[in-house]
Amino acid sequence: VQSKVFDREDPSENIRATVATVAGIQDKFDIKGKTDNRSLELIPAVYNAGEGSVRNAIKRAGSNNFWKFCKYLPRPHETIPYVQQVMGLYFLRTNKLTWPTRKDPTDPKNLSSGFGNRQYGFHPAIDIRPSRKGVAGDLIKAVAPGRVVEAGYNSGNGYYIILEHGDKKWRLRTYYLHGKQNSLAVRTGDEVDI
């Protein structure tokens, strides 16, 4: 008897396997059709840690809220960042995002610096070139609704704003750096829209 071996490189098989896994988790944890964040967080938790581990953690915590039971998982240091990343991606895929400037994001001439290694370490961001060389002042807008978790000045970033999007436990943040003096139109705690 020959059985079909799962091909991890085949995208269509991966999609089918993921849909089947999610459907199974939704049925087993009675969250089918629920779209609230607390129910959705169970899906990547079960996918990462396993059904038995999640059931045991829920029982020990007396709650099916991921943030209450996650400390009882066998490897919370792995599962927590995984859930944060998946939920962050979920937020990005289910919300309308915008480009932070009027510049064409597909034109590489509009970027002054991309991701990559630098003399002093890895540069984990893109820098958008100002409209006119050496002239600051382009209007920058939020890429998604969020709340200001920090706004200020430091010597490395200049004037900056850090926004948090979605549930604060997901730690999905966007950083707006290298602003000019008196350019911050928001303060810590403000809610912003796009």
Protein backbone atom coordinates (compact mmCIF):
# COMPACT_ATOMS: atom_id res chain seq x y z
CA VAL A 1 0.00 0.00 0.00
CA GLN A 2 1.38 3.38 -0.95
CA SER A 3 0.43 6.43 1.05
CA LYS A 4 0.85 9.98 -0.07
CA VAL A 5 3.68 11.81 1.70
CA PHE A 6 3.03 15.44 2.63
CA ASP A 7 5.14 17.69 0.43
CA ARG A 8 6.17 20.72 2.53
CA GLU A 9 7.33 22.54 -0.62
CA ASP A 10 3.94 22.35 -2.37
CA PRO A 11 2.01 25.59 -1.58
CA SER A 12 -1.40 24.07 -2.32
CA GLU A 13 -0.76 21.20 0.10
CA ASN A 14 0.38 23.68 2.74
CA ILE A 15 -2.81 25.70 2.29
CA ARG A 16 -5.01 22.60 2.52
CA ALA A 17 -3.16 21.39 5.63
CA THR A 18 -3.43 24.79 7.29
CA VAL A 19 -7.17 25.09 6.56
CA ALA A 20 -7.76 21.59 7.92
CA THR A 21 -5.69 22.34 11.03
CA VAL A 22 -7.48 25.63 11.72
CA ALA A 23 -10.91 24.05 11.17
CA GLY A 24 -10.00 21.23 13.56
CA ILE A 25 -8.80 23.66 16.23
CA GLN A 26 -11.95 25.78 15.86
CA ASP A 27 -14.16 22.70 16.30
CA LYS A 28 -12.21 21.24 19.24
CA PHE A 29 -12.06 24.54 21.14
CA ASP A 30 -15.60 25.68 20.25
CA ILE A 31 -14.49 28.90 18.55
CA LYS A 32 -15.87 28.29 15.06
CA GLY A 33 -17.18 31.54 13.60
CA LYS A 34 -15.77 33.66 16.43
CA THR A 35 -13.54 36.48 15.29
CA ASP A 36 -12.69 38.17 18.57
CA ASN A 37 -8.96 38.38 19.26
CA ARG A 38 -9.04 36.15 22.36
CA SER A 39 -10.62 33.28 20.40
CA LEU A 40 -8.31 33.77 17.43
CA GLU A 41 -5.20 33.67 19.66
CA LEU A 42 -6.02 30.04 20.50
CA ILE A 43 -5.38 28.96 16.90
CA PRO A 44 -1.67 29.82 16.68
CA ALA A 45 -1.22 28.71 20.31
CA VAL A 46 -2.55 25.22 19.53
CA TYR A 47 -0.69 25.12 16.23
CA ASN A 48 2.59 25.98 17.97
CA ALA A 49 2.32 24.23 21.34
CA GLY A 50 -0.03 21.35 20.54
CA GLU A 51 -3.60 20.62 21.54
CA GLY A 52 -2.76 18.64 24.68
CA SER A 53 -0.41 21.30 26.01
CA VAL A 54 -2.96 24.05 25.46
CA ARG A 55 -5.78 22.03 27.08
CA ASN A 56 -3.58 21.36 30.14
CA ALA A 57 -2.56 25.03 30.36
CA ILE A 58 -6.21 26.16 30.12
CA LYS A 59 -7.17 23.74 32.86
CA ARG A 60 -4.34 24.91 35.15
CA ALA A 61 -5.14 28.60 34.54
CA GLY A 62 -8.90 28.15 34.73
CA SER A 63 -9.24 30.32 31.63
CA ASN A 64 -9.08 29.98 27.85
CA ASN A 65 -7.58 33.48 27.57
CA PHE A 66 -4.15 32.93 26.01
CA TRP A 67 -2.52 35.64 28.13
CA LYS A 68 -3.74 33.93 31.32
CA PHE A 69 -2.81 30.35 30.40
CA CYS A 70 0.39 30.91 28.37
CA LYS A 71 2.66 30.73 31.43
CA TYR A 72 1.52 27.12 31.93
CA LEU A 73 2.62 26.01 28.46
CA PRO A 74 5.76 23.81 28.23
CA ARG A 75 7.72 26.42 26.23
CA PRO A 76 6.06 29.81 26.71
CA HIS A 77 9.25 31.56 25.52
CA GLU A 78 8.57 30.03 22.07
CA THR A 79 4.77 30.14 21.93
CA ILE A 80 4.24 33.74 23.13
CA PRO A 81 6.37 35.37 20.38
CA TYR A 82 4.80 33.02 17.82
CA VAL A 83 1.27 34.07 18.81
CA GLN A 84 2.34 37.75 18.81
CA GLN A 85 3.76 37.41 15.30
CA VAL A 86 0.75 35.57 13.89
CA MET A 87 -1.72 38.01 15.44
CA GLY A 88 0.38 40.94 14.22
CA LEU A 89 0.23 39.53 10.69
CA TYR A 90 -3.50 38.96 11.14
CA PHE A 91 -3.89 42.65 12.05
CA LEU A 92 -1.86 43.71 9.02
CA ARG A 93 -3.90 41.51 6.66
CA THR A 94 -7.31 42.58 8.02
CA ASN A 95 -6.72 46.34 8.20
CA LYS A 96 -6.27 48.86 5.45
CA LEU A 97 -2.64 49.98 5.53
CA THR A 98 -1.24 53.06 3.88
CA TRP A 99 2.21 54.17 2.79
CA PRO A 100 3.49 56.81 5.25
CA THR A 101 4.30 59.46 2.60
CA ARG A 102 3.01 60.67 -0.76
CA LYS A 103 6.02 59.08 -2.47
CA ASP A 104 5.70 56.06 -4.75
CA PRO A 105 6.75 53.04 -2.62
CA THR A 106 7.64 51.02 -5.73
CA ASP A 107 10.28 53.50 -6.88
CA PRO A 108 13.66 52.54 -5.34
CA LYS A 109 14.88 56.14 -5.79
CA ASN A 110 12.49 57.12 -2.99
CA LEU A 111 14.41 55.02 -0.45
CA SER A 112 17.63 56.38 0.97
CA SER A 113 18.39 53.23 2.96
CA GLY A 114 16.90 49.76 3.10
CA PHE A 115 17.16 46.74 5.36
CA GLY A 116 20.65 45.36 5.74
CA ASN A 117 23.95 45.16 7.49
CA ARG A 118 25.73 48.36 8.39
CA GLN A 119 29.11 49.17 9.89
CA TYR A 120 27.52 49.30 13.34
CA GLY A 121 25.03 46.42 12.97
CA PHE A 122 21.85 45.50 11.17
CA HIS A 123 19.52 48.31 9.97
CA PRO A 124 16.00 46.85 10.54
CA ALA A 125 14.08 49.52 8.66
CA ILE A 126 13.72 51.50 5.47
CA ASP A 127 14.52 55.20 5.24
CA ILE A 128 12.35 57.23 2.87
CA ARG A 129 14.20 60.01 1.05
CA PRO A 130 12.79 63.55 1.52
CA SER A 131 11.13 65.19 -1.50
CA ARG A 132 14.08 67.51 -2.03
CA LYS A 133 17.61 66.47 -1.16
CA GLY A 134 18.69 67.93 2.16
CA VAL A 135 15.24 69.43 2.84
CA ALA A 136 13.20 67.96 5.67
CA GLY A 137 9.50 68.53 6.12
CA ASP A 138 7.59 65.85 4.21
CA LEU A 139 4.29 65.02 5.88
CA ILE A 140 4.39 61.55 7.47
CA LYS A 141 1.20 59.72 8.35
CA ALA A 142 0.49 56.51 10.26
CA VAL A 143 0.39 53.34 8.17
CA ALA A 144 -2.47 52.00 10.31
CA PRO A 145 -4.65 53.14 13.21
CA GLY A 146 -2.88 52.93 16.55
CA ARG A 147 -1.82 54.66 19.73
CA VAL A 148 1.32 56.65 20.44
CA VAL A 149 3.46 54.73 22.94
CA GLU A 150 6.41 57.09 22.74
CA ALA A 151 7.21 60.44 21.17
CA GLY A 152 10.35 62.44 21.76
CA TYR A 153 13.93 63.07 20.79
CA ASN A 154 17.22 61.22 21.06
CA SER A 155 20.57 61.69 19.33
CA GLY A 156 20.34 58.48 17.26
CA ASN A 157 16.80 58.89 15.94
CA GLY A 158 16.21 62.63 16.08
CA TYR A 159 12.56 63.48 16.69
CA TYR A 160 10.57 60.25 16.62
CA ILE A 161 7.18 58.66 17.22
CA ILE A 162 6.45 55.00 18.02
CA LEU A 163 2.93 53.71 17.32
CA GLU A 164 1.43 50.47 18.59
CA HIS A 165 -1.25 48.77 16.46
CA GLY A 166 -3.90 46.22 17.43
CA ASP A 167 -3.80 44.56 20.84
CA LYS A 168 -0.89 45.92 22.88
CA LYS A 169 0.13 42.37 23.83
CA TRP A 170 1.00 41.64 20.20
CA ARG A 171 3.71 44.32 20.27
CA LEU A 172 3.09 45.34 16.67
CA ARG A 173 4.80 48.71 16.36
CA THR A 174 5.79 51.14 13.65
CA TYR A 175 8.58 53.64 14.11
CA TYR A 176 8.75 57.10 12.56
CA LEU A 177 12.27 58.47 13.00
CA HIS A 178 14.48 61.37 11.95
CA GLY A 179 11.80 64.05 12.19
CA LYS A 180 12.68 67.71 12.30
CA GLN A 181 12.42 69.98 15.34
CA ASN A 182 8.84 70.96 16.28
CA SER A 183 7.48 68.33 13.88
CA LEU A 184 5.69 66.09 16.37
CA ALA A 185 1.93 66.65 16.15
CA VAL A 186 1.11 63.92 18.71
CA ARG A 187 1.99 63.00 22.28
CA THR A 188 2.33 59.71 24.15
CA GLY A 189 -1.13 58.25 24.72
CA ASP A 190 -2.77 59.86 21.68
CA GLU A 191 -4.87 57.66 19.36
CA VAL A 192 -4.15 58.14 15.65
CA ASP A 193 -5.93 57.14 12.47
CA ILE A 194 -4.71 56.95 8.90
